[in-house]
Protein backbone atom coordinates (compact mmCIF):
# COMPACT_ATOMS: atom_id res chain seq x y z
CA UNK A 1 47.89 -41.71 5.87
CA UNK A 2 48.78 -42.18 9.54
CA UNK A 3 50.64 -45.42 10.21
CA UNK A 4 49.48 -47.90 12.85
CA UNK A 5 52.56 -47.13 14.94
CA UNK A 6 51.84 -43.38 14.86
CA UNK A 7 48.16 -43.95 15.66
CA UNK A 8 49.08 -46.01 18.72
CA UNK A 9 51.57 -43.36 19.81
CA UNK A 10 48.84 -40.70 19.58
CA UNK A 11 46.49 -42.83 21.68
CA UNK A 12 49.09 -43.38 24.37
CA UNK A 13 50.06 -39.71 24.39
CA UNK A 14 46.49 -38.89 25.37
CA UNK A 15 46.47 -41.51 28.12
CA UNK A 16 44.27 -43.90 26.16
CA UNK A 17 44.76 -47.53 25.25
CA UNK A 18 43.18 -49.39 22.34
CA UNK A 19 40.11 -51.49 22.99
CA UNK A 20 40.59 -55.23 22.89
CA UNK A 21 38.52 -58.32 23.63
CA UNK A 22 38.55 -61.98 24.52
CA UNK A 23 35.96 -64.71 23.97
CA UNK A 24 34.39 -67.18 26.42
CA UNK A 25 32.56 -70.36 25.41
CA UNK A 26 31.88 -73.86 26.70
CA UNK A 27 29.94 -77.10 26.46
CA UNK A 28 30.41 -78.10 22.85
CA UNK A 29 30.09 -81.81 23.48
CA UNK A 30 28.10 -84.23 21.39
CA UNK A 31 24.88 -85.98 22.40
CA UNK A 32 25.18 -89.69 21.54
CA UNK A 33 21.45 -90.21 22.12
CA UNK A 34 20.27 -87.50 19.73
CA UNK A 35 21.79 -88.80 16.49
CA UNK A 36 22.60 -85.26 15.34
CA UNK A 37 24.57 -85.16 12.07
CA UNK A 38 26.90 -82.49 13.43
CA UNK A 39 27.99 -84.74 16.31
CA UNK A 40 31.24 -86.46 15.39
CA UNK A 41 33.62 -88.24 17.71
CA UNK A 42 32.22 -86.67 20.85
CA UNK A 43 31.97 -83.08 19.57
CA UNK A 44 29.30 -80.92 17.99
CA UNK A 45 31.63 -80.09 15.13
CA UNK A 46 29.29 -77.59 13.46
CA UNK A 47 28.83 -75.17 16.37
CA UNK A 48 32.30 -75.65 17.85
CA UNK A 49 33.75 -74.97 14.41
CA UNK A 50 31.64 -71.83 13.98
CA UNK A 51 32.74 -70.51 17.35
CA UNK A 52 36.40 -71.17 16.53
CA UNK A 53 36.01 -69.03 13.41
CA UNK A 54 34.15 -66.37 15.40
CA UNK A 55 37.05 -66.09 17.85
CA UNK A 56 39.30 -65.09 14.95
CA UNK A 57 36.68 -62.76 13.45
CA UNK A 58 36.24 -61.01 16.80
CA UNK A 59 40.02 -60.45 16.85
CA UNK A 60 40.09 -61.91 20.35
CA UNK A 61 43.33 -61.82 22.29
CA UNK A 62 42.57 -65.17 23.92
CA UNK A 63 39.81 -67.76 24.30
CA UNK A 64 38.46 -69.17 27.58
CA UNK A 65 36.62 -72.51 27.29
CA UNK A 66 34.66 -73.56 30.38
CA UNK A 67 34.79 -77.33 29.97
CA UNK A 68 32.91 -80.19 28.33
CA UNK A 69 34.89 -79.87 25.14
CA UNK A 70 33.89 -83.45 24.29
CA UNK A 71 31.44 -86.13 25.37
CA UNK A 72 34.15 -88.03 27.24
CA UNK A 73 33.03 -90.69 29.73
CA UNK A 74 34.98 -93.06 27.52
CA UNK A 75 35.80 -96.70 28.23
CA UNK A 76 39.35 -96.41 26.92
CA UNK A 77 41.99 -93.67 27.11
CA UNK A 78 42.53 -94.00 23.37
CA UNK A 79 38.91 -93.09 22.62
CA UNK A 80 39.11 -90.07 24.90
CA UNK A 81 42.31 -88.95 23.21
CA UNK A 82 40.76 -89.07 19.73
CA UNK A 83 37.83 -86.95 20.95
CA UNK A 84 40.11 -84.28 22.40
CA UNK A 85 42.18 -84.27 19.21
CA UNK A 86 38.97 -83.74 17.21
CA UNK A 87 38.19 -80.69 19.35
CA UNK A 88 41.74 -79.43 19.10
CA UNK A 89 41.66 -79.78 15.30
CA UNK A 90 38.47 -77.71 15.17
CA UNK A 91 40.39 -74.96 16.99
CA UNK A 92 43.04 -74.75 14.26
CA UNK A 93 41.84 -71.32 13.08
CA UNK A 94 42.45 -70.05 16.63
CA UNK A 95 45.80 -71.76 17.12
CA UNK A 96 46.98 -70.73 13.65
CA UNK A 97 46.11 -67.12 14.48
CA UNK A 98 48.35 -67.45 17.57
CA UNK A 99 45.43 -66.77 19.90
CA UNK A 100 45.99 -68.51 23.26
CA UNK A 101 43.39 -71.18 24.06
CA UNK A 102 42.65 -71.53 27.78
CA UNK A 103 40.45 -74.53 28.54
CA UNK A 104 39.43 -76.28 31.74
CA UNK A 105 37.99 -79.74 32.23
CA UNK A 106 34.30 -80.37 32.58
CA UNK A 107 32.70 -83.39 34.21
CA UNK A 108 32.67 -85.16 30.84
CA UNK A 109 36.47 -84.87 30.59
CA UNK A 110 37.06 -85.64 34.26
CA UNK A 111 34.90 -88.77 33.92
CA UNK A 112 36.95 -90.27 31.09
CA UNK A 113 39.52 -93.02 31.57
CA UNK A 114 42.96 -91.69 32.53
CA UNK A 115 41.53 -88.22 32.22
CA UNK A 116 44.46 -86.15 33.46
CA UNK A 117 47.09 -88.22 31.64
CA UNK A 118 45.29 -87.99 28.30
CA UNK A 119 44.45 -84.30 28.77
CA UNK A 120 48.12 -83.51 29.38
CA UNK A 121 49.15 -85.54 26.34
CA UNK A 122 46.76 -83.79 23.95
CA UNK A 123 47.31 -80.33 25.41
CA UNK A 124 51.09 -80.33 25.35
CA UNK A 125 53.70 -78.34 23.47
CA UNK A 126 52.10 -75.47 21.55
CA UNK A 127 48.68 -76.58 22.86
CA UNK A 128 49.60 -76.45 26.56
CA UNK A 129 47.75 -74.36 29.11
CA UNK A 130 49.90 -71.98 31.18
CA UNK A 131 52.20 -74.09 33.37
CA UNK A 132 51.83 -72.02 36.52
CA UNK A 133 49.19 -74.05 38.36
CA UNK A 134 49.56 -75.91 41.65
CA UNK A 135 51.85 -78.95 41.59
CA UNK A 136 48.90 -81.37 41.61
CA UNK A 137 47.00 -79.50 38.88
CA UNK A 138 49.60 -78.55 36.27
CA UNK A 139 47.92 -77.83 32.94
CA UNK A 140 44.52 -78.02 34.67
CA UNK A 141 44.42 -74.89 36.86
CA UNK A 142 46.41 -71.82 35.88
CA UNK A 143 46.40 -68.06 35.42
CA UNK A 144 47.05 -65.86 32.40
CA UNK A 145 47.67 -62.12 32.25
CA UNK A 146 46.94 -59.69 29.43
CA UNK A 147 47.16 -55.96 30.09
CA UNK A 148 44.84 -55.08 32.99
CA UNK A 149 43.20 -58.52 32.89
CA UNK A 150 43.95 -61.60 34.96
CA UNK A 151 42.22 -64.74 33.64
CA UNK A 152 42.10 -67.79 35.91
CA UNK A 153 41.19 -71.34 34.88
CA UNK A 154 39.99 -73.53 37.75
CA UNK A 155 39.83 -77.31 37.73
CA UNK A 156 36.98 -78.53 39.97
CA UNK A 157 37.78 -82.25 39.95
CA UNK A 158 41.29 -82.64 41.41
CA UNK A 159 41.32 -80.80 44.73
CA UNK A 160 37.80 -82.04 45.47
CA UNK A 161 34.49 -82.68 43.75
CA UNK A 162 32.85 -79.39 42.71
CA UNK A 163 35.65 -77.63 44.56
CA UNK A 164 38.56 -75.38 43.65
CA UNK A 165 42.04 -75.23 45.14
CA UNK A 166 41.27 -72.29 47.39
CA UNK A 167 44.74 -71.90 48.97
CA UNK A 168 46.30 -71.67 45.52
CA UNK A 169 43.62 -69.27 44.28
CA UNK A 170 44.11 -67.03 47.31
CA UNK A 171 47.83 -66.93 46.60
CA UNK A 172 47.30 -66.00 42.94
CA UNK A 173 44.79 -63.26 43.77
CA UNK A 174 47.17 -61.77 46.34
CA UNK A 175 50.26 -61.98 44.14
CA UNK A 176 48.77 -60.69 40.89
CA UNK A 177 46.29 -57.88 41.60
CA UNK A 178 44.65 -56.60 38.42
CA UNK A 179 41.79 -54.16 37.76
CA UNK A 180 39.90 -56.89 35.88
CA UNK A 181 39.84 -60.46 37.18
CA UNK A 182 37.89 -63.17 35.35
CA UNK A 183 37.82 -66.68 36.79
CA UNK A 184 36.26 -69.65 35.04
CA UNK A 185 35.28 -73.14 36.07
CA UNK A 186 32.94 -75.70 34.61
CA UNK A 187 30.33 -75.93 37.35
CA UNK A 188 28.40 -72.91 38.61
CA UNK A 189 29.03 -71.51 42.07
CA UNK A 190 25.28 -71.05 42.55
CA UNK A 191 22.66 -73.40 41.13
CA UNK A 192 21.08 -71.68 38.15
CA UNK A 193 18.10 -73.95 37.67
CA UNK A 194 19.19 -77.22 36.06
CA UNK A 195 22.14 -79.24 37.37
CA UNK A 196 22.20 -79.84 41.10
CA UNK A 197 25.89 -80.82 41.19
CA UNK A 198 27.29 -77.31 41.58
CA UNK A 199 29.61 -75.65 44.07
CA UNK A 200 26.72 -75.03 46.46
CA UNK A 201 26.91 -78.72 47.32
CA UNK A 202 29.38 -77.41 49.93
CA UNK A 203 28.17 -73.87 50.71
CA UNK A 204 30.96 -73.16 53.19
CA UNK A 205 33.66 -73.76 50.58
CA UNK A 206 31.60 -72.07 47.87
CA UNK A 207 31.21 -69.00 50.09
CA UNK A 208 34.96 -68.88 50.69
CA UNK A 209 35.53 -69.04 46.94
CA UNK A 210 32.98 -66.34 46.14
CA UNK A 211 34.20 -64.07 48.93
CA UNK A 212 37.76 -64.35 47.64
CA UNK A 213 36.62 -63.09 44.22
CA UNK A 214 34.77 -60.18 45.83
CA UNK A 215 37.78 -59.19 47.94
CA UNK A 216 40.09 -59.28 44.92
CA UNK A 217 37.78 -57.00 42.93
CA UNK A 218 36.48 -59.64 40.52
CA UNK A 219 32.99 -58.92 39.26
CA UNK A 220 32.35 -61.81 36.85
CA UNK A 221 32.63 -65.60 37.10
CA UNK A 222 32.25 -67.68 33.93
CA UNK A 223 30.99 -71.26 33.92
CA UNK A 224 28.92 -73.78 31.98
CA UNK A 225 27.62 -77.27 32.85
CA UNK A 226 24.03 -76.21 32.16
CA UNK A 227 23.42 -75.99 28.41
CA UNK A 228 21.71 -72.62 28.37
CA UNK A 229 22.49 -68.97 28.94
CA UNK A 230 21.88 -67.58 32.41
CA UNK A 231 23.08 -64.23 33.71
CA UNK A 232 22.76 -64.03 37.50
CA UNK A 233 23.62 -61.09 39.75
CA UNK A 234 24.77 -62.04 43.24
CA UNK A 235 24.92 -59.74 46.26
CA UNK A 236 25.24 -60.37 49.97
CA UNK A 237 21.96 -60.52 51.86
CA UNK A 238 21.40 -57.93 54.58
CA UNK A 239 21.89 -54.21 55.00
CA UNK A 240 25.38 -54.12 53.46
CA UNK A 241 25.12 -56.05 50.18
CA UNK A 242 28.50 -54.91 48.91
CA UNK A 243 29.45 -55.06 45.23
CA UNK A 244 27.48 -56.91 42.59
CA UNK A 245 29.17 -60.02 41.20
CA UNK A 246 27.81 -61.70 38.09
CA UNK A 247 27.71 -65.43 37.42
CA UNK A 248 27.50 -66.06 33.69
CA UNK A 249 26.50 -69.57 32.63
CA UNK A 250 27.08 -69.96 28.89
CA UNK A 251 27.05 -73.68 28.17
CA UNK A 252 25.97 -72.89 24.64
CA UNK A 253 28.71 -74.14 22.31
CA UNK A 254 26.81 -77.11 20.87
CA UNK A 255 25.79 -79.46 23.68
CA UNK A 256 22.11 -80.55 23.88
CA UNK A 257 19.89 -77.80 25.27
CA UNK A 258 18.56 -77.73 28.83
CA UNK A 259 15.53 -75.78 30.00
CA UNK A 260 15.26 -73.00 32.55
CA UNK A 261 14.59 -73.95 36.15
CA UNK A 262 14.15 -71.95 39.32
CA UNK A 263 17.10 -70.76 41.33
CA UNK A 264 17.45 -73.07 44.31
CA UNK A 265 20.21 -74.72 46.27
CA UNK A 266 21.96 -73.59 49.44
CA UNK A 267 22.05 -69.84 48.97
CA UNK A 268 21.59 -68.55 52.53
CA UNK A 269 23.36 -65.25 52.92
CA UNK A 270 23.10 -64.30 49.25
CA UNK A 271 20.56 -62.57 47.04
CA UNK A 272 20.32 -64.07 43.55
CA UNK A 273 18.76 -61.96 40.80
CA UNK A 274 18.15 -63.29 37.30
CA UNK A 275 19.19 -60.61 34.83
CA UNK A 276 18.74 -62.57 31.59
CA UNK A 277 17.97 -66.15 30.64
CA UNK A 278 17.95 -67.69 27.16
CA UNK A 279 17.05 -71.28 26.33
CA UNK A 280 17.76 -73.22 23.13
CA UNK A 281 20.30 -70.81 21.64
CA UNK A 282 23.90 -71.55 20.74
CA UNK A 283 26.37 -68.77 21.35
CA UNK A 284 29.47 -67.34 22.99
CA UNK A 285 30.57 -64.36 25.08
CA UNK A 286 32.71 -61.41 24.05
CA UNK A 287 34.41 -59.40 26.79
CA UNK A 288 35.55 -55.99 25.58
CA UNK A 289 38.14 -54.10 27.63
CA UNK A 290 38.04 -50.37 26.95
CA UNK A 291 40.21 -48.48 29.40
CA UNK A 292 38.58 -48.81 32.82
CA UNK A 293 35.39 -50.39 31.50
CA UNK A 294 34.61 -54.02 30.71
CA UNK A 295 31.57 -54.92 28.60
CA UNK A 296 30.34 -58.50 28.54
CA UNK A 297 28.09 -59.46 25.62
CA UNK A 298 26.40 -62.75 24.85
CA UNK A 299 26.10 -63.36 21.12
CA UNK A 300 23.48 -65.93 20.16
CA UNK A 301 23.18 -67.83 16.89
CA UNK A 302 20.51 -66.42 14.59
CA UNK A 303 21.54 -68.24 11.40
CA UNK A 304 24.37 -70.55 10.28
CA UNK A 305 27.60 -68.77 11.14
CA UNK A 306 25.76 -65.62 12.29
CA UNK A 307 25.75 -64.53 15.94
CA UNK A 308 24.10 -61.38 17.31
CA UNK A 309 24.08 -59.64 20.70
CA UNK A 310 21.29 -60.87 23.01
CA UNK A 311 22.50 -59.68 26.41
CA UNK A 312 25.10 -57.14 27.46
CA UNK A 313 26.26 -55.34 30.58
CA UNK A 314 29.20 -53.16 31.55
CA UNK A 315 31.07 -52.23 34.70
CA UNK A 316 33.96 -49.92 35.42
CA UNK A 317 36.93 -50.00 37.77
CA UNK A 318 38.83 -47.16 39.39
C-alpha cells in the first residue's frame, strides 16, 4: 500500500497538487416574528448546525461566513453577546477540526448595541479573525491566504454605510497577488432583486470596488443579505466587456426566505445576467480548487442534513 506521504510526492513529481475546497455560507439568523422552533437566541440553530457539520464533512480548509450570523439589533450588549456565543458554539465541529472560520458582520450585527466591542470580545483568542486588517477595522476586515487562494473579508459598516475600505483593499490586492481571489461582504455590490440597501447606493464607489476586483484577477464575489440564492454574471457594457465576474448571493443558512425580484438599481455601465436563481432553499457553497481551475457549487437542502448540487460553474486561470 502506498503511504499518503509517497502519494503526495508522486503528485508533486508530476507537477500536480491535490484538490482542496473551502465553504461559503451566510445569513443564519433567526426570525423572531415567525415562531420557528429551530430559532433559539437569535440563530436558526437547526440549519446553522447542519452547515457546521457539512463544513467538516466536505473536508473544507476554511469557512467564509458572509454576515448575519445572528438576529442582533439587540437593546443590550449582553444580549448580543449571548447570541454570538450561541452561533460560535454551533460552530464547535468546525473549530474542533481546526478549520479556520472567517466571518464578517452583517447589518444585524452592525445594528446591535456596542457591536464592534462585543464582536471583538466573542471572536477573540482561538476564535479571532486574521489580525491584518486596517487599524480601524481590526478583526472586522482582513485577508487570509491558502495555497493559490487569497480570501478577503470586508466589513461594510465601519468605513461607510454599504461601503468597503477601498484604499486598504487596493493595498492588499497589490501586495498579495494570487491566481484565485475571493472577496466577501454582507451586502451585494449589485442589487439582485430584494434589498435596496446594497453597494449600488453609491455607484461611483461600487464601481471602484468592482473594477479593483477585475484588475486583480478576481472572478467571484460572495455576499448575502438577501435570503435566497442568486448567481449573477457581470460584464462591462459596450464593445469591450472584459472578463466575466460573478456575484454569488447565498443568504441561505437559515434566515427567513425572500422571493426573487427583478435586477434593478444603478447599474449603468454594466450588463447583469442572471445565471441561476433559487428561492426557498437552505444551502451553502463549496469552492473546489483543482490546479488552475476553481469550481463553485451551490448545495441546496433536499432533506434534513442532506444537501445536493443545484448550481455549479468553473473557471480557469493561467
